[in-house]
Amino acid sequence: MTKHAIFPQTGILGDAFACGCGVLLGGRMTAELHAAENGMCSVCLGTAAEEAAPGLTRDCTGCAGTGRRREQITWQLAHAEAEHLITMTVVRGVVAGFDGPFHLSEIADTVRNGLGLPTGRLPVGPRVRDLLLQLQAAGEITMLSAPDEMIGSDMVLYRDPQWQRARTLGL
């Protein structure tokens, strides 16, 4: 933890924050600016953790759990590069090569290998997951997996979901 980690404060001021350096900050935007000016992640405000759902804390996805601005920017650039390289056309082509059910990890590994990407350089899994969910929403694939874990009453966790191509009726 650093001297510039910023935490929410409850009080009559509403949305207020306090930094470990002693500065009181009014509002989220002011807290993000203070964090960025001091080299801290503007997502987790330097704490290295984020609350994904009430009661569920995990390492910050904005800075890879470091709390630092440099890592946040590197991660954001990696996400942008992944979006540029891993397109819907690429994922759709990989999915077309699977006759039966497939896991997220299988599609991500095939995409990574097909594009010649080293492991860990780009967020291939999250990008492929997002595109598979778009294919699912469009009705092109169907999820076969049940959730691995329930978080609260309205959130589910899938560790390595499984899909298959939607069957079309040949009339």
N, C-alpha and C. Protein backbone atom coordinates (compact mmCIF):
# COMPACT_ATOMS: atom_id res chain seq x y z
N MET A 1 0.85 -1.17 0.00
CA MET A 1 0.00 0.00 0.00
C MET A 1 0.90 1.23 0.00
N THR A 2 0.46 2.29 -0.60
CA THR A 2 1.25 3.50 -0.69
C THR A 2 0.62 4.60 0.13
N LYS A 3 1.33 5.70 0.24
CA LYS A 3 0.79 6.82 1.00
C LYS A 3 -0.30 7.56 0.24
N HIS A 4 -0.53 7.21 -1.01
CA HIS A 4 -1.57 7.86 -1.80
C HIS A 4 -2.77 6.96 -2.10
N ALA A 5 -2.95 5.89 -1.38
CA ALA A 5 -4.15 5.07 -1.56
C ALA A 5 -5.35 5.88 -1.07
N ILE A 6 -6.43 5.85 -1.85
CA ILE A 6 -7.61 6.68 -1.57
C ILE A 6 -8.79 5.79 -1.24
N PHE A 7 -9.48 6.13 -0.16
CA PHE A 7 -10.62 5.34 0.29
C PHE A 7 -11.87 6.19 0.43
N PRO A 8 -13.04 5.63 0.14
CA PRO A 8 -14.30 6.38 0.32
C PRO A 8 -14.52 6.69 1.80
N GLN A 9 -15.13 7.82 2.05
CA GLN A 9 -15.44 8.25 3.41
C GLN A 9 -16.93 8.46 3.52
N THR A 10 -17.52 8.01 4.58
CA THR A 10 -18.93 8.24 4.80
C THR A 10 -19.08 9.48 5.67
N GLY A 11 -20.10 10.22 5.37
CA GLY A 11 -20.34 11.43 6.14
C GLY A 11 -21.42 12.27 5.51
N ILE A 12 -21.58 13.44 6.01
CA ILE A 12 -22.65 14.31 5.52
C ILE A 12 -22.34 14.92 4.16
N LEU A 13 -21.08 14.83 3.72
CA LEU A 13 -20.70 15.41 2.43
C LEU A 13 -21.11 14.54 1.25
N GLY A 14 -21.57 13.35 1.50
CA GLY A 14 -21.96 12.45 0.42
C GLY A 14 -20.76 11.72 -0.13
N ASP A 15 -20.52 11.84 -1.44
CA ASP A 15 -19.46 11.14 -2.14
C ASP A 15 -18.11 11.80 -1.84
N ALA A 16 -17.44 11.39 -0.78
CA ALA A 16 -16.16 11.98 -0.39
C ALA A 16 -15.12 10.88 -0.26
N PHE A 17 -13.86 11.29 -0.39
CA PHE A 17 -12.74 10.35 -0.32
C PHE A 17 -11.63 10.96 0.52
N ALA A 18 -10.81 10.11 1.08
CA ALA A 18 -9.64 10.55 1.84
C ALA A 18 -8.41 9.79 1.35
N CYS A 19 -7.34 10.53 1.13
CA CYS A 19 -6.09 9.93 0.66
C CYS A 19 -5.19 9.67 1.86
N GLY A 20 -4.35 8.66 1.73
CA GLY A 20 -3.39 8.34 2.78
C GLY A 20 -2.41 9.45 3.07
N CYS A 21 -2.28 10.40 2.14
CA CYS A 21 -1.37 11.53 2.36
C CYS A 21 -2.02 12.63 3.20
N GLY A 22 -3.31 12.43 3.56
CA GLY A 22 -3.99 13.39 4.41
C GLY A 22 -4.95 14.33 3.70
N VAL A 23 -5.00 14.28 2.39
CA VAL A 23 -5.89 15.16 1.62
C VAL A 23 -7.31 14.60 1.61
N LEU A 24 -8.30 15.45 1.86
CA LEU A 24 -9.71 15.08 1.72
C LEU A 24 -10.17 15.50 0.34
N LEU A 25 -10.86 14.60 -0.33
CA LEU A 25 -11.26 14.82 -1.72
C LEU A 25 -12.77 14.72 -1.84
N GLY A 26 -13.38 15.70 -2.47
CA GLY A 26 -14.83 15.69 -2.66
C GLY A 26 -15.18 15.15 -4.03
N GLY A 27 -15.80 14.01 -4.08
CA GLY A 27 -16.26 13.45 -5.34
C GLY A 27 -15.29 12.48 -5.97
N ARG A 28 -15.85 11.57 -6.73
CA ARG A 28 -15.07 10.52 -7.40
C ARG A 28 -14.08 11.11 -8.40
N MET A 29 -14.53 12.09 -9.18
CA MET A 29 -13.66 12.67 -10.21
C MET A 29 -12.42 13.31 -9.58
N THR A 30 -12.59 14.01 -8.49
CA THR A 30 -11.46 14.63 -7.80
C THR A 30 -10.51 13.56 -7.27
N ALA A 31 -11.07 12.48 -6.75
CA ALA A 31 -10.25 11.37 -6.24
C ALA A 31 -9.46 10.72 -7.38
N GLU A 32 -10.10 10.52 -8.53
CA GLU A 32 -9.40 9.93 -9.68
C GLU A 32 -8.27 10.82 -10.16
N LEU A 33 -8.51 12.11 -10.21
CA LEU A 33 -7.49 13.06 -10.63
C LEU A 33 -6.30 13.04 -9.67
N HIS A 34 -6.58 13.06 -8.37
CA HIS A 34 -5.50 13.01 -7.36
C HIS A 34 -4.71 11.71 -7.50
N ALA A 35 -5.40 10.61 -7.72
CA ALA A 35 -4.71 9.32 -7.89
C ALA A 35 -3.80 9.38 -9.12
N ALA A 36 -4.33 9.85 -10.25
CA ALA A 36 -3.55 9.90 -11.49
C ALA A 36 -2.35 10.84 -11.35
N GLU A 37 -2.54 11.98 -10.71
CA GLU A 37 -1.44 12.94 -10.52
C GLU A 37 -0.32 12.36 -9.67
N ASN A 38 -0.64 11.39 -8.84
CA ASN A 38 0.34 10.78 -7.95
C ASN A 38 0.77 9.40 -8.40
N GLY A 39 0.51 9.07 -9.67
CA GLY A 39 0.96 7.81 -10.24
C GLY A 39 0.18 6.60 -9.79
N MET A 40 -1.03 6.81 -9.30
CA MET A 40 -1.86 5.72 -8.83
C MET A 40 -2.95 5.41 -9.84
N CYS A 41 -3.46 4.21 -9.81
CA CYS A 41 -4.53 3.77 -10.71
C CYS A 41 -5.79 4.59 -10.43
N SER A 42 -6.41 5.07 -11.49
CA SER A 42 -7.63 5.86 -11.33
C SER A 42 -8.88 5.00 -11.22
N VAL A 43 -8.76 3.70 -11.37
CA VAL A 43 -9.90 2.80 -11.21
C VAL A 43 -10.05 2.40 -9.74
N CYS A 44 -8.97 1.88 -9.15
CA CYS A 44 -9.03 1.44 -7.75
C CYS A 44 -8.54 2.51 -6.79
N LEU A 45 -8.10 3.64 -7.32
CA LEU A 45 -7.60 4.77 -6.53
C LEU A 45 -6.38 4.39 -5.69
N GLY A 46 -5.56 3.48 -6.22
CA GLY A 46 -4.33 3.10 -5.56
C GLY A 46 -4.45 2.01 -4.52
N THR A 47 -5.65 1.47 -4.33
CA THR A 47 -5.83 0.43 -3.31
C THR A 47 -5.47 -0.96 -3.82
N ALA A 48 -5.39 -1.14 -5.13
CA ALA A 48 -5.08 -2.41 -5.79
C ALA A 48 -6.24 -3.39 -5.76
N ALA A 49 -7.40 -2.98 -5.24
CA ALA A 49 -8.56 -3.88 -5.17
C ALA A 49 -9.80 -3.15 -5.67
N GLU A 50 -10.74 -3.92 -6.17
CA GLU A 50 -12.03 -3.37 -6.59
C GLU A 50 -13.14 -4.27 -6.09
N GLU A 51 -14.28 -3.69 -5.88
CA GLU A 51 -15.44 -4.45 -5.43
C GLU A 51 -16.28 -4.78 -6.66
N ALA A 52 -16.19 -6.04 -7.11
CA ALA A 52 -16.90 -6.48 -8.32
C ALA A 52 -18.40 -6.54 -8.08
N ALA A 53 -18.77 -6.92 -6.89
CA ALA A 53 -20.17 -6.98 -6.47
C ALA A 53 -20.15 -6.76 -4.96
N PRO A 54 -21.27 -6.36 -4.40
CA PRO A 54 -21.28 -6.16 -2.94
C PRO A 54 -20.77 -7.39 -2.20
N GLY A 55 -19.71 -7.19 -1.43
CA GLY A 55 -19.13 -8.28 -0.66
C GLY A 55 -18.09 -9.10 -1.41
N LEU A 56 -17.86 -8.83 -2.70
CA LEU A 56 -16.88 -9.58 -3.49
C LEU A 56 -15.77 -8.63 -3.94
N THR A 57 -14.61 -8.74 -3.29
CA THR A 57 -13.46 -7.91 -3.64
C THR A 57 -12.46 -8.77 -4.38
N ARG A 58 -11.83 -8.16 -5.39
CA ARG A 58 -10.81 -8.86 -6.17
C ARG A 58 -9.72 -7.86 -6.55
N ASP A 59 -8.61 -8.38 -7.08
CA ASP A 59 -7.55 -7.50 -7.57
C ASP A 59 -8.13 -6.59 -8.65
N CYS A 60 -7.70 -5.36 -8.66
CA CYS A 60 -8.20 -4.38 -9.63
C CYS A 60 -7.87 -4.84 -11.05
N THR A 61 -8.86 -4.83 -11.92
CA THR A 61 -8.64 -5.21 -13.31
C THR A 61 -8.07 -4.05 -14.13
N GLY A 62 -8.12 -2.84 -13.58
CA GLY A 62 -7.58 -1.68 -14.29
C GLY A 62 -6.07 -1.60 -14.24
N CYS A 63 -5.47 -2.11 -13.17
CA CYS A 63 -4.01 -2.01 -13.00
C CYS A 63 -3.38 -3.36 -12.69
N ALA A 64 -4.13 -4.43 -12.89
CA ALA A 64 -3.66 -5.79 -12.61
C ALA A 64 -3.28 -5.96 -11.15
N GLY A 65 -4.01 -5.28 -10.27
CA GLY A 65 -3.81 -5.45 -8.84
C GLY A 65 -2.57 -4.79 -8.26
N THR A 66 -2.01 -3.81 -8.97
CA THR A 66 -0.80 -3.14 -8.48
C THR A 66 -1.11 -1.81 -7.80
N GLY A 67 -2.22 -1.17 -8.17
CA GLY A 67 -2.55 0.14 -7.63
C GLY A 67 -1.82 1.27 -8.34
N ARG A 68 -1.02 0.97 -9.33
CA ARG A 68 -0.17 1.96 -10.01
C ARG A 68 -0.71 2.40 -11.36
N ARG A 69 -0.47 3.64 -11.70
CA ARG A 69 -0.93 4.23 -12.96
C ARG A 69 -0.20 3.63 -14.15
N ARG A 70 1.10 3.40 -14.02
CA ARG A 70 1.87 2.88 -15.15
C ARG A 70 1.30 1.56 -15.63
N GLU A 71 1.02 0.66 -14.70
CA GLU A 71 0.46 -0.64 -15.05
C GLU A 71 -0.94 -0.49 -15.63
N GLN A 72 -1.70 0.49 -15.11
CA GLN A 72 -3.04 0.74 -15.63
C GLN A 72 -2.97 1.14 -17.10
N ILE A 73 -2.06 2.04 -17.43
CA ILE A 73 -1.93 2.50 -18.82
C ILE A 73 -1.45 1.36 -19.71
N THR A 74 -0.49 0.58 -19.23
CA THR A 74 -0.01 -0.58 -20.00
C THR A 74 -1.14 -1.55 -20.28
N TRP A 75 -1.97 -1.82 -19.25
CA TRP A 75 -3.08 -2.75 -19.39
C TRP A 75 -4.13 -2.21 -20.36
N GLN A 76 -4.41 -0.90 -20.28
CA GLN A 76 -5.38 -0.30 -21.19
C GLN A 76 -4.89 -0.38 -22.64
N LEU A 77 -3.61 -0.15 -22.86
CA LEU A 77 -3.04 -0.27 -24.21
C LEU A 77 -3.11 -1.71 -24.71
N ALA A 78 -2.87 -2.66 -23.82
CA ALA A 78 -2.95 -4.08 -24.20
C ALA A 78 -4.38 -4.45 -24.59
N HIS A 79 -5.36 -3.94 -23.84
CA HIS A 79 -6.77 -4.19 -24.19
C HIS A 79 -7.10 -3.60 -25.55
N ALA A 80 -6.63 -2.39 -25.81
CA ALA A 80 -6.90 -1.74 -27.11
C ALA A 80 -6.25 -2.53 -28.24
N GLU A 81 -5.03 -3.01 -28.03
CA GLU A 81 -4.36 -3.81 -29.05
C GLU A 81 -5.10 -5.13 -29.28
N ALA A 82 -5.58 -5.75 -28.21
CA ALA A 82 -6.33 -7.00 -28.34
C ALA A 82 -7.61 -6.76 -29.14
N GLU A 83 -8.30 -5.65 -28.89
CA GLU A 83 -9.51 -5.34 -29.65
C GLU A 83 -9.20 -5.16 -31.13
N HIS A 84 -8.04 -4.59 -31.43
CA HIS A 84 -7.64 -4.38 -32.83
C HIS A 84 -7.29 -5.70 -33.52
N LEU A 85 -6.56 -6.58 -32.82
CA LEU A 85 -6.10 -7.84 -33.42
C LEU A 85 -7.15 -8.94 -33.41
N ILE A 86 -7.90 -9.03 -32.32
CA ILE A 86 -8.84 -10.14 -32.15
C ILE A 86 -10.23 -9.62 -32.50
N THR A 87 -10.61 -9.83 -33.73
CA THR A 87 -11.88 -9.31 -34.24
C THR A 87 -12.96 -10.39 -34.21
N MET A 88 -14.18 -9.96 -34.43
CA MET A 88 -15.29 -10.90 -34.51
C MET A 88 -15.05 -11.90 -35.64
N THR A 89 -14.49 -11.45 -36.74
CA THR A 89 -14.22 -12.33 -37.88
C THR A 89 -13.25 -13.45 -37.47
N VAL A 90 -12.22 -13.10 -36.71
CA VAL A 90 -11.24 -14.10 -36.25
C VAL A 90 -11.92 -15.12 -35.35
N VAL A 91 -12.66 -14.67 -34.35
CA VAL A 91 -13.31 -15.59 -33.41
C VAL A 91 -14.37 -16.42 -34.11
N ARG A 92 -15.16 -15.80 -34.97
CA ARG A 92 -16.19 -16.53 -35.70
C ARG A 92 -15.55 -17.64 -36.55
N GLY A 93 -14.40 -17.35 -37.16
CA GLY A 93 -13.70 -18.35 -37.97
C GLY A 93 -13.18 -19.50 -37.13
N VAL A 94 -12.69 -19.20 -35.93
CA VAL A 94 -12.20 -20.26 -35.04
C VAL A 94 -13.37 -21.13 -34.57
N VAL A 95 -14.46 -20.50 -34.18
CA VAL A 95 -15.64 -21.23 -33.72
C VAL A 95 -16.17 -22.15 -34.83
N ALA A 96 -16.12 -21.69 -36.06
CA ALA A 96 -16.60 -22.49 -37.19
C ALA A 96 -15.82 -23.79 -37.34
N GLY A 97 -14.59 -23.81 -36.86
CA GLY A 97 -13.76 -25.01 -36.95
C GLY A 97 -14.07 -26.07 -35.90
N PHE A 98 -14.95 -25.77 -34.96
CA PHE A 98 -15.31 -26.73 -33.91
C PHE A 98 -16.67 -27.35 -34.24
N ASP A 99 -16.69 -28.69 -34.32
CA ASP A 99 -17.94 -29.39 -34.63
C ASP A 99 -18.83 -29.53 -33.41
N GLY A 100 -18.24 -29.80 -32.29
CA GLY A 100 -19.01 -30.02 -31.06
C GLY A 100 -18.81 -28.89 -30.08
N PRO A 101 -19.10 -29.17 -28.82
CA PRO A 101 -18.93 -28.16 -27.78
C PRO A 101 -17.48 -27.71 -27.65
N PHE A 102 -17.30 -26.48 -27.21
CA PHE A 102 -15.96 -25.92 -27.01
C PHE A 102 -15.96 -25.03 -25.78
N HIS A 103 -14.80 -24.94 -25.15
CA HIS A 103 -14.62 -24.10 -23.97
C HIS A 103 -14.00 -22.77 -24.38
N LEU A 104 -14.22 -21.76 -23.56
CA LEU A 104 -13.59 -20.46 -23.76
C LEU A 104 -12.08 -20.61 -23.90
N SER A 105 -11.48 -21.40 -23.03
CA SER A 105 -10.02 -21.58 -23.05
C SER A 105 -9.54 -22.17 -24.38
N GLU A 106 -10.32 -23.07 -24.97
CA GLU A 106 -9.93 -23.67 -26.26
C GLU A 106 -9.94 -22.64 -27.38
N ILE A 107 -10.96 -21.80 -27.40
CA ILE A 107 -11.04 -20.76 -28.44
C ILE A 107 -9.93 -19.74 -28.22
N ALA A 108 -9.71 -19.32 -26.97
CA ALA A 108 -8.66 -18.34 -26.67
C ALA A 108 -7.29 -18.89 -27.05
N ASP A 109 -7.01 -20.14 -26.72
CA ASP A 109 -5.71 -20.74 -27.06
C ASP A 109 -5.54 -20.83 -28.58
N THR A 110 -6.60 -21.19 -29.29
CA THR A 110 -6.53 -21.29 -30.75
C THR A 110 -6.28 -19.92 -31.38
N VAL A 111 -6.97 -18.90 -30.87
CA VAL A 111 -6.76 -17.53 -31.36
C VAL A 111 -5.33 -17.09 -31.07
N ARG A 112 -4.86 -17.30 -29.84
CA ARG A 112 -3.50 -16.89 -29.45
C ARG A 112 -2.47 -17.56 -30.35
N ASN A 113 -2.61 -18.86 -30.54
CA ASN A 113 -1.66 -19.59 -31.38
C ASN A 113 -1.76 -19.17 -32.83
N GLY A 114 -2.98 -18.98 -33.32
CA GLY A 114 -3.18 -18.59 -34.71
C GLY A 114 -2.60 -17.23 -35.04
N LEU A 115 -2.64 -16.32 -34.07
CA LEU A 115 -2.08 -14.98 -34.28
C LEU A 115 -0.61 -14.90 -33.85
N GLY A 116 -0.08 -15.99 -33.31
CA GLY A 116 1.31 -16.01 -32.88
C GLY A 116 1.58 -15.09 -31.69
N LEU A 117 0.62 -14.99 -30.78
CA LEU A 117 0.78 -14.11 -29.62
C LEU A 117 1.39 -14.87 -28.45
N PRO A 118 2.40 -14.30 -27.81
CA PRO A 118 2.96 -14.97 -26.63
C PRO A 118 1.98 -14.91 -25.46
N THR A 119 2.02 -15.92 -24.62
CA THR A 119 1.15 -15.99 -23.45
C THR A 119 1.43 -14.80 -22.53
N GLY A 120 0.35 -14.15 -22.07
CA GLY A 120 0.47 -13.07 -21.11
C GLY A 120 0.71 -11.69 -21.68
N ARG A 121 0.97 -11.57 -22.97
CA ARG A 121 1.25 -10.26 -23.55
C ARG A 121 -0.01 -9.43 -23.73
N LEU A 122 -1.09 -10.07 -24.17
CA LEU A 122 -2.37 -9.39 -24.39
C LEU A 122 -3.47 -10.14 -23.64
N PRO A 123 -4.53 -9.43 -23.28
CA PRO A 123 -5.66 -10.09 -22.60
C PRO A 123 -6.54 -10.84 -23.61
N VAL A 124 -6.01 -11.94 -24.14
CA VAL A 124 -6.70 -12.71 -25.16
C VAL A 124 -8.00 -13.31 -24.60
N GLY A 125 -7.92 -13.95 -23.44
CA GLY A 125 -9.10 -14.58 -22.85
C GLY A 125 -10.27 -13.63 -22.66
N PRO A 126 -10.06 -12.48 -22.00
CA PRO A 126 -11.18 -11.55 -21.82
C PRO A 126 -11.75 -11.03 -23.15
N ARG A 127 -10.89 -10.78 -24.14
CA ARG A 127 -11.38 -10.29 -25.44
C ARG A 127 -12.20 -11.38 -26.14
N VAL A 128 -11.70 -12.61 -26.13
CA VAL A 128 -12.42 -13.72 -26.76
C VAL A 128 -13.75 -13.94 -26.03
N ARG A 129 -13.74 -13.89 -24.70
CA ARG A 129 -14.97 -14.05 -23.92
C ARG A 129 -16.01 -13.01 -24.34
N ASP A 130 -15.60 -11.77 -24.46
CA ASP A 130 -16.54 -10.71 -24.85
C ASP A 130 -17.14 -10.98 -26.23
N LEU A 131 -16.32 -11.44 -27.16
CA LEU A 131 -16.82 -11.73 -28.51
C LEU A 131 -17.72 -12.96 -28.52
N LEU A 132 -17.38 -13.98 -27.72
CA LEU A 132 -18.25 -15.15 -27.63
C LEU A 132 -19.61 -14.77 -27.04
N LEU A 133 -19.62 -13.89 -26.06
CA LEU A 133 -20.89 -13.44 -25.49
C LEU A 133 -21.71 -12.66 -26.53
N GLN A 134 -21.04 -11.92 -27.40
CA GLN A 134 -21.76 -11.25 -28.50
C GLN A 134 -22.34 -12.26 -29.48
N LEU A 135 -21.58 -13.31 -29.79
CA LEU A 135 -22.09 -14.37 -30.66
C LEU A 135 -23.29 -15.07 -30.01
N GLN A 136 -23.22 -15.25 -28.70
CA GLN A 136 -24.33 -15.86 -27.98
C GLN A 136 -25.57 -14.97 -28.04
N ALA A 137 -25.37 -13.68 -27.82
CA ALA A 137 -26.50 -12.73 -27.87
C ALA A 137 -27.12 -12.68 -29.26
N ALA A 138 -26.31 -12.90 -30.28
CA ALA A 138 -26.81 -12.89 -31.66
C ALA A 138 -27.45 -14.22 -32.05
N GLY A 139 -27.37 -15.22 -31.16
CA GLY A 139 -27.98 -16.52 -31.44
C GLY A 139 -27.12 -17.45 -32.26
N GLU A 140 -25.85 -17.12 -32.48
CA GLU A 140 -24.97 -17.95 -33.29
C GLU A 140 -24.39 -19.12 -32.51
N ILE A 141 -24.23 -18.95 -31.19
CA ILE A 141 -23.77 -20.02 -30.33
C ILE A 141 -24.67 -20.09 -29.11
N THR A 142 -24.66 -21.23 -28.44
CA THR A 142 -25.49 -21.45 -27.26
C THR A 142 -24.60 -21.90 -26.11
N MET A 143 -24.79 -21.30 -24.94
CA MET A 143 -23.98 -21.70 -23.78
C MET A 143 -24.54 -23.01 -23.22
N LEU A 144 -23.62 -23.92 -22.91
CA LEU A 144 -23.98 -25.21 -22.34
C LEU A 144 -23.67 -25.28 -20.85
N SER A 145 -22.82 -24.42 -20.36
CA SER A 145 -22.33 -24.47 -18.98
C SER A 145 -23.36 -23.98 -17.98
N ALA A 146 -23.31 -24.59 -16.83
CA ALA A 146 -24.01 -24.06 -15.67
C ALA A 146 -23.00 -23.21 -14.91
N PRO A 147 -23.46 -22.23 -14.16
CA PRO A 147 -22.50 -21.41 -13.41
C PRO A 147 -21.69 -22.26 -12.43
N ASP A 148 -20.43 -21.89 -12.26
CA ASP A 148 -19.56 -22.58 -11.30
C ASP A 148 -19.81 -22.10 -9.88
N GLU A 149 -20.30 -20.87 -9.76
CA GLU A 149 -20.49 -20.30 -8.42
C GLU A 149 -21.53 -19.19 -8.47
N MET A 150 -22.35 -19.12 -7.44
CA MET A 150 -23.31 -18.02 -7.28
C MET A 150 -22.70 -17.01 -6.32
N ILE A 151 -22.75 -15.75 -6.69
CA ILE A 151 -22.23 -14.68 -5.84
C ILE A 151 -23.42 -13.80 -5.51
N GLY A 152 -23.84 -13.87 -4.27
CA GLY A 152 -25.04 -13.14 -3.89
C GLY A 152 -26.25 -13.80 -4.52
N SER A 153 -27.28 -13.01 -4.77
CA SER A 153 -28.51 -13.57 -5.33
C SER A 153 -28.66 -13.30 -6.82
N ASP A 154 -27.81 -12.45 -7.39
CA ASP A 154 -28.02 -12.07 -8.79
C ASP A 154 -26.76 -12.08 -9.65
N MET A 155 -25.67 -12.69 -9.17
CA MET A 155 -24.45 -12.72 -9.95
C MET A 155 -23.91 -14.14 -9.98
N VAL A 156 -23.47 -14.58 -11.16
CA VAL A 156 -22.91 -15.92 -11.31
C VAL A 156 -21.49 -15.83 -11.86
N LEU A 157 -20.70 -16.86 -11.58
CA LEU A 157 -19.32 -16.91 -12.02
C LEU A 157 -19.12 -18.18 -12.86
N TYR A 158 -18.58 -17.99 -14.06
CA TYR A 158 -18.21 -19.10 -14.93
C TYR A 158 -16.70 -19.10 -15.03
N ARG A 159 -16.05 -20.21 -14.72
CA ARG A 159 -14.59 -20.26 -14.77
C ARG A 159 -14.10 -20.54 -16.20
N ASP A 160 -14.65 -21.50 -16.87
CA ASP A 160 -14.28 -21.81 -18.26
C ASP A 160 -15.55 -22.28 -18.97
N PRO A 161 -16.42 -21.33 -19.33
CA PRO A 161 -17.71 -21.71 -19.90
C PRO A 161 -17.58 -22.49 -21.20
N GLN A 162 -18.63 -23.24 -21.47
CA GLN A 162 -18.67 -24.08 -22.67
C GLN A 162 -19.85 -23.67 -23.54
N TRP A 163 -19.62 -23.59 -24.84
CA TRP A 163 -20.65 -23.26 -25.81
C TRP A 163 -20.65 -24.30 -26.93
N GLN A 164 -21.64 -24.19 -27.78
CA GLN A 164 -21.61 -24.91 -29.05
C GLN A 164 -22.32 -24.05 -30.08
N ARG A 165 -22.01 -24.30 -31.34
CA ARG A 165 -22.67 -23.55 -32.39
C ARG A 165 -24.17 -23.86 -32.38
N ALA A 166 -24.97 -22.86 -32.63
CA ALA A 166 -26.42 -23.05 -32.66
C ALA A 166 -26.77 -23.88 -33.88
N ARG A 167 -27.70 -24.76 -33.69
CA ARG A 167 -28.16 -25.62 -34.80
C ARG A 167 -29.17 -24.84 -35.63
N THR A 168 -29.02 -24.93 -36.91
CA THR A 168 -30.00 -24.30 -37.80
C THR A 168 -30.84 -25.40 -38.41
N LEU A 169 -32.10 -25.12 -38.59
CA LEU A 169 -33.00 -26.10 -39.19
C LEU A 169 -32.89 -26.03 -40.71
N GLY A 170 -32.58 -27.13 -41.29
CA GLY A 170 -32.52 -27.19 -42.75
C GLY A 170 -33.86 -27.66 -43.30
N LEU A 171 -34.63 -26.74 -43.80
CA LEU A 171 -35.95 -27.10 -44.32
C LEU A 171 -35.93 -27.34 -45.78
